[in-house]
Protein backbone atom coordinates (compact mmCIF):
# COMPACT_ATOMS: atom_id res chain seq x y z
CA UNK A 1 -9.39 6.47 -17.95
CA UNK A 2 -6.63 9.06 -17.63
CA UNK A 3 -7.47 9.40 -13.93
CA UNK A 4 -6.45 5.79 -13.39
CA UNK A 5 -3.17 6.45 -15.18
CA UNK A 6 -2.40 9.04 -12.52
CA UNK A 7 -2.44 6.22 -9.99
CA UNK A 8 -0.04 4.01 -11.94
CA UNK A 9 3.04 4.73 -9.76
CA UNK A 10 1.05 3.83 -6.63
CA UNK A 11 -0.40 0.72 -8.27
CA UNK A 12 3.04 -0.32 -9.52
CA UNK A 13 4.49 -0.08 -6.01
CA UNK A 14 1.55 -2.06 -4.58
CA UNK A 15 2.21 -4.76 -7.18
CA UNK A 16 5.91 -4.97 -6.26
CA UNK A 17 5.10 -5.18 -2.56
CA UNK A 18 2.45 -7.84 -3.17
CA UNK A 19 4.92 -9.92 -5.15
CA UNK A 20 7.45 -9.61 -2.33
CA UNK A 21 4.79 -10.60 0.22
CA UNK A 22 3.81 -13.64 -1.85
CA UNK A 23 7.45 -14.69 -2.20
CA UNK A 24 7.90 -14.54 1.56
CA UNK A 25 4.69 -16.49 2.20
CA UNK A 26 5.87 -19.03 -0.38
CA UNK A 27 8.92 -19.97 1.66
CA UNK A 28 8.70 -23.21 3.60
CA UNK A 29 10.50 -21.96 6.67
CA UNK A 30 10.55 -18.25 7.49
CA UNK A 31 13.58 -16.99 9.36
CA UNK A 32 13.27 -14.26 11.97
CA UNK A 33 14.58 -11.84 9.33
CA UNK A 34 11.91 -13.03 6.87
CA UNK A 35 9.20 -12.44 9.46
CA UNK A 36 10.48 -8.90 10.13
CA UNK A 37 10.54 -8.25 6.38
CA UNK A 38 7.01 -9.62 6.01
CA UNK A 39 5.71 -7.30 8.72
CA UNK A 40 7.48 -4.38 7.06
CA UNK A 41 6.02 -5.23 3.65
CA UNK A 42 2.52 -5.66 5.06
CA UNK A 43 2.70 -2.30 6.85
CA UNK A 44 3.92 -0.56 3.69
CA UNK A 45 1.19 -2.25 1.66
CA UNK A 46 -1.41 -0.90 4.09
CA UNK A 47 0.03 2.59 3.67
CA UNK A 48 -0.04 2.40 -0.12
CA UNK A 49 -3.59 1.01 -0.22
CA UNK A 50 -4.62 3.87 2.05
CA UNK A 51 -2.90 6.35 -0.26
CA UNK A 52 -4.72 4.88 -3.26
CA UNK A 53 -8.07 5.06 -1.45
CA UNK A 54 -7.39 8.69 -0.55
CA UNK A 55 -6.61 9.48 -4.20
CA UNK A 56 -9.82 7.82 -5.39
CA UNK A 57 -11.86 9.61 -2.74
CA UNK A 58 -10.41 12.99 -3.60
CA UNK A 59 -10.92 12.39 -7.32
CA UNK A 60 -14.53 11.26 -6.74
CA UNK A 61 -15.13 14.44 -4.72
CA UNK A 62 -13.86 16.53 -7.64
CA UNK A 63 -10.65 17.42 -5.85
CA UNK A 64 -7.01 16.99 -6.84
CA UNK A 65 -5.89 13.41 -6.06
CA UNK A 66 -2.33 14.68 -5.74
CA UNK A 67 -3.36 16.18 -2.40
CA UNK A 68 -3.41 12.66 -0.93
CA UNK A 69 -0.63 12.09 1.56
CA UNK A 70 1.09 9.01 2.87
CA UNK A 71 -0.07 8.41 6.43
CA UNK A 72 2.17 7.00 9.11
CA UNK A 73 2.26 3.31 9.90
CA UNK A 74 0.89 4.10 13.38
CA UNK A 75 -2.10 5.93 11.91
CA UNK A 76 -2.90 3.08 9.54
CA UNK A 77 -2.57 0.44 12.28
CA UNK A 78 -5.22 2.18 14.35
CA UNK A 79 -7.90 2.01 11.65
CA UNK A 80 -10.83 -0.23 12.36
CA UNK A 81 -11.79 -2.69 9.66
């Protein structure tokens, strides 16, 4: 349980970004600026989800989850789903 608490700052940021993404998707007409912001939010969300997955993987392997590092947007974009 305390291991999950270690991830609370990451989870909190993911929640804020998700709320921002939902607010943008909730608009009837997106401006060019809204679309840019949406792309930025989505890219940052991908980075934070990756960071969380790294932390979980390190923890599951018995290693320090604080060794997880934020990867660049370019690195994340090149992942295959």
